[in-house]
N, C-alpha and C. Protein backbone atom coordinates (compact mmCIF):
# COMPACT_ATOMS: atom_id res chain seq x y z
N UNK A 1 -30.02 9.30 48.31
CA UNK A 1 -29.36 9.24 47.03
C UNK A 1 -29.83 7.99 46.30
N UNK A 2 -30.09 8.15 45.03
CA UNK A 2 -30.59 7.04 44.22
C UNK A 2 -29.48 6.49 43.34
N UNK A 3 -29.43 5.21 43.20
CA UNK A 3 -28.45 4.58 42.32
C UNK A 3 -29.11 4.09 41.04
N UNK A 4 -28.35 4.04 39.99
CA UNK A 4 -28.84 3.55 38.71
C UNK A 4 -28.36 2.12 38.50
N UNK A 5 -29.22 1.30 38.00
CA UNK A 5 -28.86 -0.08 37.71
C UNK A 5 -28.95 -0.27 36.20
N UNK A 6 -27.88 -0.74 35.61
CA UNK A 6 -27.85 -1.00 34.17
C UNK A 6 -27.92 -2.49 33.95
N UNK A 7 -28.78 -2.87 33.04
CA UNK A 7 -28.90 -4.29 32.70
C UNK A 7 -28.42 -4.49 31.27
N UNK A 8 -27.52 -5.40 31.08
CA UNK A 8 -27.02 -5.69 29.74
C UNK A 8 -27.22 -7.16 29.45
N UNK A 9 -27.46 -7.47 28.21
CA UNK A 9 -27.52 -8.86 27.81
C UNK A 9 -26.66 -9.02 26.57
N UNK A 10 -25.94 -10.08 26.51
CA UNK A 10 -25.05 -10.33 25.39
C UNK A 10 -25.54 -11.56 24.63
N UNK A 11 -25.68 -11.41 23.34
CA UNK A 11 -26.09 -12.55 22.50
C UNK A 11 -24.85 -13.37 22.15
N UNK A 12 -25.03 -14.64 21.96
CA UNK A 12 -23.92 -15.52 21.60
C UNK A 12 -23.45 -15.27 20.17
N UNK A 13 -24.25 -14.61 19.38
CA UNK A 13 -23.92 -14.33 17.98
C UNK A 13 -25.22 -14.21 17.20
N UNK A 14 -25.14 -13.84 15.95
CA UNK A 14 -26.36 -13.71 15.16
C UNK A 14 -27.00 -15.07 14.91
N UNK A 15 -28.29 -15.10 14.96
CA UNK A 15 -29.03 -16.33 14.69
C UNK A 15 -29.73 -16.20 13.34
N UNK A 16 -29.50 -17.15 12.48
CA UNK A 16 -30.11 -17.14 11.16
C UNK A 16 -31.15 -18.26 11.09
N UNK A 17 -32.41 -17.89 10.97
CA UNK A 17 -33.44 -18.94 10.90
C UNK A 17 -33.26 -19.79 9.64
N UNK A 18 -33.41 -21.06 9.77
CA UNK A 18 -33.31 -21.95 8.61
C UNK A 18 -31.93 -22.52 8.38
N UNK A 19 -30.92 -22.09 9.13
CA UNK A 19 -29.57 -22.63 8.96
C UNK A 19 -28.84 -22.01 7.79
N UNK A 20 -27.67 -22.55 7.46
CA UNK A 20 -26.88 -22.00 6.36
C UNK A 20 -27.53 -22.24 5.01
N UNK A 21 -27.25 -21.34 4.09
CA UNK A 21 -27.80 -21.43 2.74
C UNK A 21 -26.96 -22.29 1.83
N UNK A 22 -27.34 -22.38 0.56
CA UNK A 22 -26.64 -23.26 -0.38
C UNK A 22 -25.35 -22.67 -0.94
N UNK A 23 -25.06 -21.38 -0.68
CA UNK A 23 -23.89 -20.73 -1.28
C UNK A 23 -22.82 -20.44 -0.24
N UNK A 24 -21.59 -20.58 -0.65
CA UNK A 24 -20.47 -20.26 0.24
C UNK A 24 -20.34 -18.73 0.36
N UNK A 25 -19.91 -18.30 1.52
CA UNK A 25 -19.72 -16.87 1.78
C UNK A 25 -18.27 -16.66 2.14
N UNK A 26 -17.72 -15.54 1.70
CA UNK A 26 -16.33 -15.28 2.02
C UNK A 26 -15.98 -13.82 1.82
N UNK A 27 -14.73 -13.52 2.01
CA UNK A 27 -14.19 -12.17 1.87
C UNK A 27 -12.94 -12.24 1.01
N UNK A 28 -12.86 -11.33 0.05
CA UNK A 28 -11.67 -11.23 -0.79
C UNK A 28 -11.20 -9.79 -0.75
N UNK A 29 -9.91 -9.59 -0.62
CA UNK A 29 -9.32 -8.25 -0.61
C UNK A 29 -8.57 -8.06 -1.92
N UNK A 30 -8.94 -7.01 -2.67
CA UNK A 30 -8.32 -6.75 -3.96
C UNK A 30 -7.54 -5.43 -3.89
N UNK A 31 -6.29 -5.46 -4.34
CA UNK A 31 -5.47 -4.25 -4.43
C UNK A 31 -5.60 -3.72 -5.85
N UNK A 32 -6.14 -2.51 -6.00
CA UNK A 32 -6.39 -1.92 -7.30
C UNK A 32 -5.67 -0.59 -7.42
N UNK A 33 -5.59 -0.06 -8.65
CA UNK A 33 -4.99 1.25 -8.90
C UNK A 33 -5.92 2.08 -9.75
N UNK A 34 -6.14 3.33 -9.35
CA UNK A 34 -6.94 4.29 -10.11
C UNK A 34 -5.98 5.11 -10.95
N UNK A 35 -5.86 4.77 -12.23
CA UNK A 35 -4.90 5.43 -13.11
C UNK A 35 -5.38 6.79 -13.60
N UNK A 36 -6.64 7.18 -13.28
CA UNK A 36 -7.13 8.50 -13.67
C UNK A 36 -6.69 9.58 -12.68
N UNK A 37 -6.11 9.18 -11.55
CA UNK A 37 -5.64 10.13 -10.53
C UNK A 37 -4.17 9.88 -10.24
N UNK A 38 -3.38 10.93 -10.35
CA UNK A 38 -1.95 10.82 -10.08
C UNK A 38 -1.69 10.91 -8.58
N UNK A 39 -0.81 10.02 -8.11
CA UNK A 39 -0.45 9.99 -6.70
C UNK A 39 0.87 9.26 -6.58
N UNK A 40 1.91 9.81 -6.11
CA UNK A 40 2.15 11.18 -5.65
C UNK A 40 2.45 12.13 -6.80
N UNK A 41 2.95 13.31 -6.46
CA UNK A 41 3.27 14.33 -7.47
C UNK A 41 4.38 13.85 -8.41
N UNK A 42 4.48 14.50 -9.59
CA UNK A 42 5.54 14.16 -10.54
C UNK A 42 6.92 14.50 -9.97
N UNK A 43 6.98 15.55 -9.16
CA UNK A 43 8.23 15.99 -8.56
C UNK A 43 8.13 15.82 -7.04
N UNK A 44 9.12 15.17 -6.43
CA UNK A 44 9.17 15.02 -4.98
C UNK A 44 9.37 16.40 -4.36
N UNK A 45 8.49 16.81 -3.48
CA UNK A 45 8.55 18.15 -2.90
C UNK A 45 9.71 18.33 -1.93
N UNK A 46 10.27 17.26 -1.42
CA UNK A 46 11.39 17.35 -0.48
C UNK A 46 12.71 17.44 -1.22
N UNK A 47 12.92 16.53 -2.18
CA UNK A 47 14.22 16.47 -2.87
C UNK A 47 14.24 17.29 -4.15
N UNK A 48 13.09 17.55 -4.75
CA UNK A 48 13.03 18.27 -6.02
C UNK A 48 13.32 17.39 -7.22
N UNK A 49 13.48 16.08 -6.98
CA UNK A 49 13.76 15.13 -8.06
C UNK A 49 12.47 14.51 -8.58
N UNK A 50 12.48 14.03 -9.83
CA UNK A 50 11.29 13.37 -10.37
C UNK A 50 10.95 12.12 -9.56
N UNK A 51 9.66 11.86 -9.38
CA UNK A 51 9.18 10.68 -8.67
C UNK A 51 9.26 9.48 -9.61
N UNK A 52 9.74 8.36 -9.10
CA UNK A 52 9.82 7.15 -9.91
C UNK A 52 8.81 6.13 -9.41
N UNK A 53 8.52 5.14 -10.23
CA UNK A 53 7.61 4.07 -9.83
C UNK A 53 6.17 4.36 -10.19
N UNK A 54 5.27 3.57 -9.62
CA UNK A 54 3.83 3.67 -9.88
C UNK A 54 3.28 4.99 -9.38
N UNK A 55 2.56 5.71 -10.25
CA UNK A 55 1.98 6.99 -9.86
C UNK A 55 0.47 6.94 -9.75
N UNK A 56 -0.16 5.80 -10.04
CA UNK A 56 -1.61 5.68 -9.93
C UNK A 56 -2.00 5.61 -8.44
N UNK A 57 -3.18 6.12 -8.13
CA UNK A 57 -3.66 6.14 -6.75
C UNK A 57 -4.03 4.72 -6.31
N UNK A 58 -3.45 4.23 -5.20
CA UNK A 58 -3.76 2.87 -4.75
C UNK A 58 -5.13 2.81 -4.08
N UNK A 59 -5.85 1.72 -4.33
CA UNK A 59 -7.16 1.48 -3.73
C UNK A 59 -7.21 0.07 -3.18
N UNK A 60 -7.89 -0.12 -2.08
CA UNK A 60 -8.10 -1.44 -1.55
C UNK A 60 -9.61 -1.69 -1.51
N UNK A 61 -10.06 -2.76 -2.15
CA UNK A 61 -11.48 -3.10 -2.20
C UNK A 61 -11.73 -4.38 -1.41
N UNK A 62 -12.74 -4.35 -0.53
CA UNK A 62 -13.16 -5.53 0.21
C UNK A 62 -14.40 -6.09 -0.47
N UNK A 63 -14.34 -7.30 -0.95
CA UNK A 63 -15.43 -7.92 -1.69
C UNK A 63 -16.00 -9.04 -0.84
N UNK A 64 -17.24 -8.86 -0.41
CA UNK A 64 -17.91 -9.86 0.41
C UNK A 64 -18.68 -10.81 -0.47
């Protein structure tokens, strides 16, 4: 019977030649609304009552 040997190597992290650049890098999370699309329905399907509050479709954008 033959056995298989798996070899793995793990890097400490990405290496960037030349070091850090002159610009700062970051992440920003923006909560937006798409007002061209209704969400949820005008009438609540469970209660049959009109829906109140924001009806625009919520979007979350990650800006690197």
